Amino acid sequence: MTTLPKTLLILSVAGFAVSLTGPGAEFACGVIKPLSAISFIVFYITQLLAKEVEAYDREQHAKLGWMHAGATVTGSGAASTNGRRSPSLAGAGAK
């Protein structure tokens, strides 16, 4: 868990605990309980989406790695494609 989900969970549990006390119960109906519930819902959503975000990041990293696998940077700073021609430029010089 990162910092945001931990913070949301702590806020949710602390808000619920305070709402169970005597002075907290008076103030809890309007502010503490809804804040606690909202923070728990956001925590739960972040936990549900964590695996999806991780899978998306891996997919994008693999896609970018595949696109840049053939290109290398030469000493002059220009990109080289290891002698291969781009498919879009393959027919451009053959006239």
PDB file of N, CA and C in Angstrom:
ATOM      1  N   MET A   1       0.845  -1.182   0.000  1.00  0.00           N
ATOM      2  CA  MET A   1       0.000   0.000   0.000  1.00  0.00           C
ATOM      3  C   MET A   1       0.884   1.238   0.000  1.00  0.00           C
ATOM      4  N   THR A   2       0.442   2.199  -0.757  1.00  0.00           N
ATOM      5  CA  THR A   2       1.170   3.460  -0.790  1.00  0.00           C
ATOM      6  C   THR A   2       0.641   4.379   0.309  1.00  0.00           C
ATOM      7  N   THR A   3       1.109   5.589   0.312  1.00  0.00           N
ATOM      8  CA  THR A   3       0.761   6.530   1.372  1.00  0.00           C
ATOM      9  C   THR A   3      -0.716   6.925   1.343  1.00  0.00           C
ATOM     10  N   LEU A   4      -1.259   7.160   0.153  1.00  0.00           N
ATOM     11  CA  LEU A   4      -2.655   7.593   0.055  1.00  0.00           C
ATOM     12  C   LEU A   4      -3.632   6.557   0.609  1.00  0.00           C
ATOM     13  N   PRO A   5      -3.570   5.283   0.207  1.00  0.00           N
ATOM     14  CA  PRO A   5      -4.505   4.314   0.789  1.00  0.00           C
ATOM     15  C   PRO A   5      -4.341   4.145   2.298  1.00  0.00           C
ATOM     16  N   LYS A   6      -3.104   4.188   2.774  1.00  0.00           N
ATOM     17  CA  LYS A   6      -2.887   4.078   4.221  1.00  0.00           C
ATOM     18  C   LYS A   6      -3.529   5.246   4.956  1.00  0.00           C
ATOM     19  N   THR A   7      -3.354   6.445   4.405  1.00  0.00           N
ATOM     20  CA  THR A   7      -3.930   7.641   5.021  1.00  0.00           C
ATOM     21  C   THR A   7      -5.450   7.567   5.029  1.00  0.00           C
ATOM     22  N   LEU A   8      -6.026   7.137   3.922  1.00  0.00           N
ATOM     23  CA  LEU A   8      -7.487   7.022   3.853  1.00  0.00           C
ATOM     24  C   LEU A   8      -8.024   5.996   4.837  1.00  0.00           C
ATOM     25  N   LEU A   9      -7.328   4.875   4.964  1.00  0.00           N
ATOM     26  CA  LEU A   9      -7.777   3.843   5.903  1.00  0.00           C
ATOM     27  C   LEU A   9      -7.668   4.330   7.340  1.00  0.00           C
ATOM     28  N   ILE A  10      -6.584   4.985   7.675  1.00  0.00           N
ATOM     29  CA  ILE A  10      -6.421   5.518   9.034  1.00  0.00           C
ATOM     30  C   ILE A  10      -7.474   6.573   9.328  1.00  0.00           C
ATOM     31  N   LEU A  11      -7.733   7.451   8.367  1.00  0.00           N
ATOM     32  CA  LEU A  11      -8.755   8.479   8.533  1.00  0.00           C
ATOM     33  C   LEU A  11     -10.136   7.855   8.733  1.00  0.00           C
ATOM     34  N   SER A  12     -10.425   6.827   7.981  1.00  0.00           N
ATOM     35  CA  SER A  12     -11.717   6.157   8.083  1.00  0.00           C
ATOM     36  C   SER A  12     -11.894   5.480   9.441  1.00  0.00           C
ATOM     37  N   VAL A  13     -10.896   4.736   9.856  1.00  0.00           N
ATOM     38  CA  VAL A  13     -10.990   4.026  11.142  1.00  0.00           C
ATOM     39  C   VAL A  13     -11.021   5.016  12.307  1.00  0.00           C
ATOM     40  N   ALA A  14     -10.190   6.043  12.256  1.00  0.00           N
ATOM     41  CA  ALA A  14     -10.169   7.039  13.331  1.00  0.00           C
ATOM     42  C   ALA A  14     -11.491   7.803  13.395  1.00  0.00           C
ATOM     43  N   GLY A  15     -12.038   8.162  12.251  1.00  0.00           N
ATOM     44  CA  GLY A  15     -13.322   8.862  12.234  1.00  0.00           C
ATOM     45  C   GLY A  15     -14.441   8.013  12.801  1.00  0.00           C
ATOM     46  N   PHE A  16     -14.433   6.731  12.449  1.00  0.00           N
ATOM     47  CA  PHE A  16     -15.463   5.839  12.994  1.00  0.00           C
ATOM     48  C   PHE A  16     -15.302   5.674  14.492  1.00  0.00           C
ATOM     49  N   ALA A  17     -14.062   5.533  14.964  1.00  0.00           N
ATOM     50  CA  ALA A  17     -13.816   5.377  16.401  1.00  0.00           C
ATOM     51  C   ALA A  17     -14.238   6.624  17.168  1.00  0.00           C
ATOM     52  N   VAL A  18     -13.959   7.802  16.619  1.00  0.00           N
ATOM     53  CA  VAL A  18     -14.348   9.049  17.290  1.00  0.00           C
ATOM     54  C   VAL A  18     -15.862   9.187  17.310  1.00  0.00           C
ATOM     55  N   SER A  19     -16.524   8.717  16.262  1.00  0.00           N
ATOM     56  CA  SER A  19     -17.982   8.847  16.216  1.00  0.00           C
ATOM     57  C   SER A  19     -18.676   7.958  17.242  1.00  0.00           C
ATOM     58  N   LEU A  20     -17.970   6.984  17.777  1.00  0.00           N
ATOM     59  CA  LEU A  20     -18.561   6.115  18.800  1.00  0.00           C
ATOM     60  C   LEU A  20     -18.454   6.704  20.201  1.00  0.00           C
ATOM     61  N   THR A  21     -17.632   7.710  20.399  1.00  0.00           N
ATOM     62  CA  THR A  21     -17.499   8.334  21.717  1.00  0.00           C
ATOM     63  C   THR A  21     -18.669   9.280  21.965  1.00  0.00           C
ATOM     64  N   GLY A  22     -18.845   9.687  23.214  1.00  0.00           N
ATOM     65  CA  GLY A  22     -19.955  10.573  23.580  1.00  0.00           C
ATOM     66  C   GLY A  22     -19.906  11.919  22.877  1.00  0.00           C
ATOM     67  N   PRO A  23     -18.842  12.690  23.044  1.00  0.00           N
ATOM     68  CA  PRO A  23     -18.781  13.997  22.376  1.00  0.00           C
ATOM     69  C   PRO A  23     -18.709  13.869  20.856  1.00  0.00           C
ATOM     70  N   GLY A  24     -18.086  12.814  20.393  1.00  0.00           N
ATOM     71  CA  GLY A  24     -17.969  12.629  18.955  1.00  0.00           C
ATOM     72  C   GLY A  24     -19.293  12.267  18.310  1.00  0.00           C
ATOM     73  N   ALA A  25     -20.179  11.610  19.062  1.00  0.00           N
ATOM     74  CA  ALA A  25     -21.469  11.194  18.510  1.00  0.00           C
ATOM     75  C   ALA A  25     -22.348  12.395  18.171  1.00  0.00           C
ATOM     76  N   GLU A  26     -22.242  13.459  18.970  1.00  0.00           N
ATOM     77  CA  GLU A  26     -23.042  14.655  18.697  1.00  0.00           C
ATOM     78  C   GLU A  26     -22.624  15.312  17.380  1.00  0.00           C
ATOM     79  N   PHE A  27     -21.335  15.334  17.147  1.00  0.00           N
ATOM     80  CA  PHE A  27     -20.792  15.968  15.951  1.00  0.00           C
ATOM     81  C   PHE A  27     -20.715  14.988  14.778  1.00  0.00           C
ATOM     82  N   ALA A  28     -20.815  13.691  15.099  1.00  0.00           N
ATOM     83  CA  ALA A  28     -20.571  12.656  14.104  1.00  0.00           C
ATOM     84  C   ALA A  28     -21.638  12.576  13.025  1.00  0.00           C
ATOM     85  N   CYS A  29     -22.873  12.813  13.375  1.00  0.00           N
ATOM     86  CA  CYS A  29     -23.942  12.621  12.392  1.00  0.00           C
ATOM     87  C   CYS A  29     -23.785  13.548  11.197  1.00  0.00           C
ATOM     88  N   GLY A  30     -23.283  14.733  11.410  1.00  0.00           N
ATOM     89  CA  GLY A  30     -23.184  15.683  10.309  1.00  0.00           C
ATOM     90  C   GLY A  30     -21.867  15.672   9.579  1.00  0.00           C
ATOM     91  N   VAL A  31     -20.765  15.337  10.279  1.00  0.00           N
ATOM     92  CA  VAL A  31     -19.458  15.501   9.650  1.00  0.00           C
ATOM     93  C   VAL A  31     -18.605  14.232   9.705  1.00  0.00           C
ATOM     94  N   ILE A  32     -18.413  13.684  10.869  1.00  0.00           N
ATOM     95  CA  ILE A  32     -17.423  12.621  11.039  1.00  0.00           C
ATOM     96  C   ILE A  32     -17.834  11.318  10.344  1.00  0.00           C
ATOM     97  N   LYS A  33     -19.068  10.882  10.535  1.00  0.00           N
ATOM     98  CA  LYS A  33     -19.477   9.627   9.910  1.00  0.00           C
ATOM     99  C   LYS A  33     -19.474   9.699   8.382  1.00  0.00           C
ATOM    100  N   PRO A  34     -20.017  10.756   7.780  1.00  0.00           N
ATOM    101  CA  PRO A  34     -19.926  10.822   6.314  1.00  0.00           C
ATOM    102  C   PRO A  34     -18.482  10.912   5.810  1.00  0.00           C
ATOM    103  N   LEU A  35     -17.637  11.671   6.492  1.00  0.00           N
ATOM    104  CA  LEU A  35     -16.234  11.765   6.100  1.00  0.00           C
ATOM    105  C   LEU A  35     -15.544  10.413   6.222  1.00  0.00           C
ATOM    106  N   SER A  36     -15.856   9.696   7.281  1.00  0.00           N
ATOM    107  CA  SER A  36     -15.299   8.371   7.487  1.00  0.00           C
ATOM    108  C   SER A  36     -15.763   7.414   6.390  1.00  0.00           C
ATOM    109  N   ALA A  37     -17.030   7.473   6.056  1.00  0.00           N
ATOM    110  CA  ALA A  37     -17.563   6.587   5.015  1.00  0.00           C
ATOM    111  C   ALA A  37     -16.959   6.906   3.648  1.00  0.00           C
ATOM    112  N   ILE A  38     -16.844   8.176   3.327  1.00  0.00           N
ATOM    113  CA  ILE A  38     -16.279   8.573   2.034  1.00  0.00           C
ATOM    114  C   ILE A  38     -14.810   8.162   1.943  1.00  0.00           C
ATOM    115  N   SER A  39     -14.066   8.354   3.000  1.00  0.00           N
ATOM    116  CA  SER A  39     -12.653   7.969   2.963  1.00  0.00           C
ATOM    117  C   SER A  39     -12.502   6.457   2.841  1.00  0.00           C
ATOM    118  N   PHE A  40     -13.390   5.688   3.465  1.00  0.00           N
ATOM    119  CA  PHE A  40     -13.322   4.236   3.312  1.00  0.00           C
ATOM    120  C   PHE A  40     -13.668   3.814   1.887  1.00  0.00           C
ATOM    121  N   ILE A  41     -14.649   4.463   1.281  1.00  0.00           N
ATOM    122  CA  ILE A  41     -15.029   4.133  -0.098  1.00  0.00           C
ATOM    123  C   ILE A  41     -13.879   4.435  -1.053  1.00  0.00           C
ATOM    124  N   VAL A  42     -13.237   5.572  -0.876  1.00  0.00           N
ATOM    125  CA  VAL A  42     -12.103   5.918  -1.742  1.00  0.00           C
ATOM    126  C   VAL A  42     -10.951   4.943  -1.522  1.00  0.00           C
ATOM    127  N   PHE A  43     -10.706   4.548  -0.278  1.00  0.00           N
ATOM    128  CA  PHE A  43      -9.684   3.540   0.021  1.00  0.00           C
ATOM    129  C   PHE A  43     -10.001   2.236  -0.700  1.00  0.00           C
ATOM    130  N   TYR A  44     -11.245   1.804  -0.626  1.00  0.00           N
ATOM    131  CA  TYR A  44     -11.662   0.547  -1.244  1.00  0.00           C
ATOM    132  C   TYR A  44     -11.497   0.604  -2.764  1.00  0.00           C
ATOM    133  N   ILE A  45     -11.858   1.721  -3.367  1.00  0.00           N
ATOM    134  CA  ILE A  45     -11.715   1.872  -4.812  1.00  0.00           C
ATOM    135  C   ILE A  45     -10.241   1.835  -5.218  1.00  0.00           C
ATOM    136  N   THR A  46      -9.375   2.477  -4.439  1.00  0.00           N
ATOM    137  CA  THR A  46      -7.945   2.441  -4.768  1.00  0.00           C
ATOM    138  C   THR A  46      -7.407   1.019  -4.685  1.00  0.00           C
ATOM    139  N   GLN A  47      -7.907   0.234  -3.741  1.00  0.00           N
ATOM    140  CA  GLN A  47      -7.468  -1.153  -3.636  1.00  0.00           C
ATOM    141  C   GLN A  47      -7.978  -1.984  -4.812  1.00  0.00           C
ATOM    142  N   LEU A  48      -9.195  -1.720  -5.249  1.00  0.00           N
ATOM    143  CA  LEU A  48      -9.739  -2.456  -6.394  1.00  0.00           C
ATOM    144  C   LEU A  48      -9.001  -2.119  -7.683  1.00  0.00           C
ATOM    145  N   LEU A  49      -8.628  -0.874  -7.848  1.00  0.00           N
ATOM    146  CA  LEU A  49      -7.989  -0.443  -9.086  1.00  0.00           C
ATOM    147  C   LEU A  49      -6.475  -0.635  -9.097  1.00  0.00           C
ATOM    148  N   ALA A  50      -5.879  -0.971  -7.970  1.00  0.00           N
ATOM    149  CA  ALA A  50      -4.418  -1.090  -7.904  1.00  0.00           C
ATOM    150  C   ALA A  50      -3.897  -2.131  -8.884  1.00  0.00           C
ATOM    151  N   LYS A  51      -4.545  -3.284  -8.965  1.00  0.00           N
ATOM    152  CA  LYS A  51      -4.083  -4.334  -9.874  1.00  0.00           C
ATOM    153  C   LYS A  51      -4.290  -3.927 -11.332  1.00  0.00           C
ATOM    154  N   GLU A  52      -5.386  -3.235 -11.611  1.00  0.00           N
ATOM    155  CA  GLU A  52      -5.642  -2.790 -12.974  1.00  0.00           C
ATOM    156  C   GLU A  52      -4.613  -1.752 -13.417  1.00  0.00           C
ATOM    157  N   VAL A  53      -4.269  -0.839 -12.533  1.00  0.00           N
ATOM    158  CA  VAL A  53      -3.268   0.186 -12.860  1.00  0.00           C
ATOM    159  C   VAL A  53      -1.911  -0.466 -13.078  1.00  0.00           C
ATOM    160  N   GLU A  54      -1.578  -1.438 -12.266  1.00  0.00           N
ATOM    161  CA  GLU A  54      -0.306  -2.137 -12.418  1.00  0.00           C
ATOM    162  C   GLU A  54      -0.257  -2.887 -13.752  1.00  0.00           C
ATOM    163  N   ALA A  55      -1.346  -3.554 -14.117  1.00  0.00           N
ATOM    164  CA  ALA A  55      -1.397  -4.265 -15.393  1.00  0.00           C
ATOM    165  C   ALA A  55      -1.296  -3.293 -16.564  1.00  0.00           C
ATOM    166  N   TYR A  56      -1.971  -2.153 -16.461  1.00  0.00           N
ATOM    167  CA  TYR A  56      -1.905  -1.142 -17.517  1.00  0.00           C
ATOM    168  C   TYR A  56      -0.482  -0.599 -17.659  1.00  0.00           C
ATOM    169  N   ASP A  57       0.177  -0.345 -16.540  1.00  0.00           N
ATOM    170  CA  ASP A  57       1.554   0.154 -16.588  1.00  0.00           C
ATOM    171  C   ASP A  57       2.486  -0.864 -17.244  1.00  0.00           C
ATOM    172  N   ARG A  58       2.320  -2.139 -16.905  1.00  0.00           N
ATOM    173  CA  ARG A  58       3.143  -3.176 -17.534  1.00  0.00           C
ATOM    174  C   ARG A  58       2.876  -3.243 -19.032  1.00  0.00           C
ATOM    175  N   GLU A  59       1.605  -3.146 -19.418  1.00  0.00           N
ATOM    176  CA  GLU A  59       1.241  -3.190 -20.833  1.00  0.00           C
ATOM    177  C   GLU A  59       1.847  -2.017 -21.595  1.00  0.00           C
ATOM    178  N   GLN A  60       1.763  -0.818 -21.035  1.00  0.00           N
ATOM    179  CA  GLN A  60       2.322   0.353 -21.702  1.00  0.00           C
ATOM    180  C   GLN A  60       3.847   0.269 -21.776  1.00  0.00           C
ATOM    181  N   HIS A  61       4.477  -0.231 -20.721  1.00  0.00           N
ATOM    182  CA  HIS A  61       5.929  -0.377 -20.721  1.00  0.00           C
ATOM    183  C   HIS A  61       6.354  -1.388 -21.781  1.00  0.00           C
ATOM    184  N   ALA A  62       5.618  -2.483 -21.902  1.00  0.00           N
ATOM    185  CA  ALA A  62       5.944  -3.488 -22.915  1.00  0.00           C
ATOM    186  C   ALA A  62       5.727  -2.925 -24.311  1.00  0.00           C
ATOM    187  N   LYS A  63       4.673  -2.151 -24.488  1.00  0.00           N
ATOM    188  CA  LYS A  63       4.397  -1.562 -25.795  1.00  0.00           C
ATOM    189  C   LYS A  63       5.495  -0.574 -26.183  1.00  0.00           C
ATOM    190  N   LEU A  64       5.915   0.268 -25.258  1.00  0.00           N
ATOM    191  CA  LEU A  64       6.979   1.224 -25.549  1.00  0.00           C
ATOM    192  C   LEU A  64       8.311   0.518 -25.762  1.00  0.00           C
ATOM    193  N   GLY A  65       8.551  -0.530 -25.009  1.00  0.00           N
ATOM    194  CA  GLY A  65       9.783  -1.297 -25.188  1.00  0.00           C
ATOM    195  C   GLY A  65       9.824  -1.960 -26.541  1.00  0.00           C
ATOM    196  N   TRP A  66       8.692  -2.442 -27.039  1.00  0.00           N
ATOM    197  CA  TRP A  66       8.621  -3.064 -28.347  1.00  0.00           C
ATOM    198  C   TRP A  66       8.845  -2.041 -29.449  1.00  0.00           C
ATOM    199  N   MET A  67       8.287  -0.841 -29.282  1.00  0.00           N
ATOM    200  CA  MET A  67       8.428   0.188 -30.304  1.00  0.00           C
ATOM    201  C   MET A  67       9.866   0.685 -30.403  1.00  0.00           C
ATOM    202  N   HIS A  68      10.575   0.741 -29.290  1.00  0.00           N
ATOM    203  CA  HIS A  68      11.935   1.289 -29.275  1.00  0.00           C
ATOM    204  C   HIS A  68      13.000   0.196 -29.291  1.00  0.00           C
ATOM    205  N   ALA A  69      12.622  -1.044 -29.471  1.00  0.00           N
ATOM    206  CA  ALA A  69      13.590  -2.136 -29.414  1.00  0.00           C
ATOM    207  C   ALA A  69      14.592  -2.068 -30.566  1.00  0.00           C
ATOM    208  N   GLY A  70      14.146  -1.667 -31.758  1.00  0.00           N
ATOM    209  CA  GLY A  70      15.036  -1.630 -32.909  1.00  0.00           C
ATOM    210  C   GLY A  70      15.842  -0.359 -33.006  1.00  0.00           C
ATOM    211  N   ALA A  71      15.430   0.692 -32.357  1.00  0.00           N
ATOM    212  CA  ALA A  71      16.109   1.983 -32.467  1.00  0.00           C
ATOM    213  C   ALA A  71      17.170   2.114 -31.395  1.00  0.00           C
ATOM    214  N   THR A  72      18.353   2.516 -31.808  1.00  0.00           N
ATOM    215  CA  THR A  72      19.432   2.785 -30.855  1.00  0.00           C
ATOM    216  C   THR A  72      19.968   4.174 -31.133  1.00  0.00           C
ATOM    217  N   VAL A  73      20.597   4.762 -30.156  1.00  0.00           N
ATOM    218  CA  VAL A  73      21.156   6.094 -30.318  1.00  0.00           C
ATOM    219  C   VAL A  73      22.637   5.948 -30.645  1.00  0.00           C
ATOM    220  N   THR A  74      23.082   6.567 -31.739  1.00  0.00           N
ATOM    221  CA  THR A  74      24.486   6.512 -32.131  1.00  0.00           C
ATOM    222  C   THR A  74      25.273   7.561 -31.361  1.00  0.00           C
ATOM    223  N   GLY A  75      26.571   7.590 -31.560  1.00  0.00           N
ATOM    224  CA  GLY A  75      27.417   8.538 -30.859  1.00  0.00           C
ATOM    225  C   GLY A  75      27.095   9.986 -31.186  1.00  0.00           C
ATOM    226  N   SER A  76      26.565  10.250 -32.391  1.00  0.00           N
ATOM    227  CA  SER A  76      26.244  11.623 -32.769  1.00  0.00           C
ATOM    228  C   SER A  76      24.900  12.068 -32.212  1.00  0.00           C
ATOM    229  N   GLY A  77      24.186  11.158 -31.558  1.00  0.00           N
ATOM    230  CA  GLY A  77      22.896  11.513 -30.977  1.00  0.00           C
ATOM    231  C   GLY A  77      21.726  11.207 -31.895  1.00  0.00           C
ATOM    232  N   ALA A  78      21.986  10.759 -33.131  1.00  0.00           N
ATOM    233  CA  ALA A  78      20.914  10.431 -34.069  1.00  0.00           C
ATOM    234  C   ALA A  78      20.458   8.996 -33.832  1.00  0.00           C
ATOM    235  N   ALA A  79      19.199   8.761 -34.044  1.00  0.00           N
ATOM    236  CA  ALA A  79      18.657   7.415 -33.862  1.00  0.00           C
ATOM    237  C   ALA A  79      18.978   6.565 -35.079  1.00  0.00           C
ATOM    238  N   SER A  80      19.376   5.337 -34.832  1.00  0.00           N
ATOM    239  CA  SER A  80      19.678   4.397 -35.892  1.00  0.00           C
ATOM    240  C   SER A  80      18.713   3.233 -35.784  1.00  0.00           C
ATOM    241  N   THR A  81      18.301   2.704 -36.915  1.00  0.00           N
ATOM    242  CA  THR A  81      17.379   1.567 -36.899  1.00  0.00           C
ATOM    243  C   THR A  81      18.095   0.289 -37.285  1.00  0.00           C
ATOM    244  N   ASN A  82      19.387   0.232 -37.085  1.00  0.00           N
ATOM    245  CA  ASN A  82      20.202  -0.950 -37.344  1.00  0.00           C
ATOM    246  C   ASN A  82      20.104  -1.418 -38.791  1.00  0.00           C
ATOM    247  N   GLY A  83      20.069  -0.470 -39.728  1.00  0.00           N
ATOM    248  CA  GLY A  83      20.058  -0.799 -41.142  1.00  0.00           C
ATOM    249  C   GLY A  83      18.694  -1.122 -41.708  1.00  0.00           C
ATOM    250  N   ARG A  84      17.676  -1.164 -40.893  1.00  0.00           N
ATOM    251  CA  ARG A  84      16.325  -1.473 -41.379  1.00  0.00           C
ATOM    252  C   ARG A  84      15.628  -0.195 -41.777  1.00  0.00           C
ATOM    253  N   ARG A  85      14.778  -0.303 -42.765  1.00  0.00           N
ATOM    254  CA  ARG A  85      14.010   0.857 -43.222  1.00  0.00           C
ATOM    255  C   ARG A  85      12.616   0.787 -42.631  1.00  0.00           C
ATOM    256  N   SER A  86      12.077   1.925 -42.391  1.00  0.00           N
ATOM    257  CA  SER A  86      10.715   2.030 -41.887  1.00  0.00           C
ATOM    258  C   SER A  86       9.745   1.574 -42.963  1.00  0.00           C
ATOM    259  N   PRO A  87       8.665   0.864 -42.619  1.00  0.00           N
ATOM    260  CA  PRO A  87       7.704   0.433 -43.622  1.00  0.00           C
ATOM    261  C   PRO A  87       7.085   1.607 -44.388  1.00  0.00           C
ATOM    262  N   SER A  88       6.939   2.731 -43.744  1.00  0.00           N
ATOM    263  CA  SER A  88       6.348   3.882 -44.423  1.00  0.00           C
ATOM    264  C   SER A  88       7.303   4.522 -45.410  1.00  0.00           C
ATOM    265  N   LEU A  89       8.599   4.298 -45.236  1.00  0.00           N
ATOM    266  CA  LEU A  89       9.595   4.886 -46.115  1.00  0.00           C
ATOM    267  C   LEU A  89      10.160   3.855 -47.102  1.00  0.00           C
ATOM    268  N   ALA A  90       9.712   2.617 -47.047  1.00  0.00           N
ATOM    269  CA  ALA A  90      10.280   1.564 -47.864  1.00  0.00           C
ATOM    270  C   ALA A  90      10.090   1.811 -49.347  1.00  0.00           C
ATOM    271  N   GLY A  91       8.961   2.350 -49.747  1.00  0.00           N
ATOM    272  CA  GLY A  91       8.711   2.585 -51.156  1.00  0.00           C
ATOM    273  C   GLY A  91       9.041   3.984 -51.613  1.00  0.00           C
ATOM    274  N   ALA A  92       9.493   4.826 -50.726  1.00  0.00           N
ATOM    275  CA  ALA A  92       9.714   6.243 -51.061  1.00  0.00           C
ATOM    276  C   ALA A  92      10.904   6.432 -51.995  1.00  0.00           C
ATOM    277  N   GLY A  93      11.974   5.666 -51.851  1.00  0.00           N
ATOM    278  CA  GLY A  93      13.165   5.873 -52.658  1.00  0.00           C
ATOM    279  C   GLY A  93      13.241   4.955 -53.864  1.00  0.00           C
ATOM    280  N   ALA A  94      12.300   4.064 -54.037  1.00  0.00           N
ATOM    281  CA  ALA A  94      12.349   3.079 -55.123  1.00  0.00           C
ATOM    282  C   ALA A  94      11.547   3.569 -56.329  1.00  0.00           C
ATOM    283  N   LYS A  95      12.039   4.571 -57.031  1.00  0.00           N
ATOM    284  CA  LYS A  95      11.359   5.047 -58.246  1.00  0.00           C
ATOM    285  C   LYS A  95      12.254   4.913 -59.420  1.00  0.00           C
TER     286      LYS A  95
END
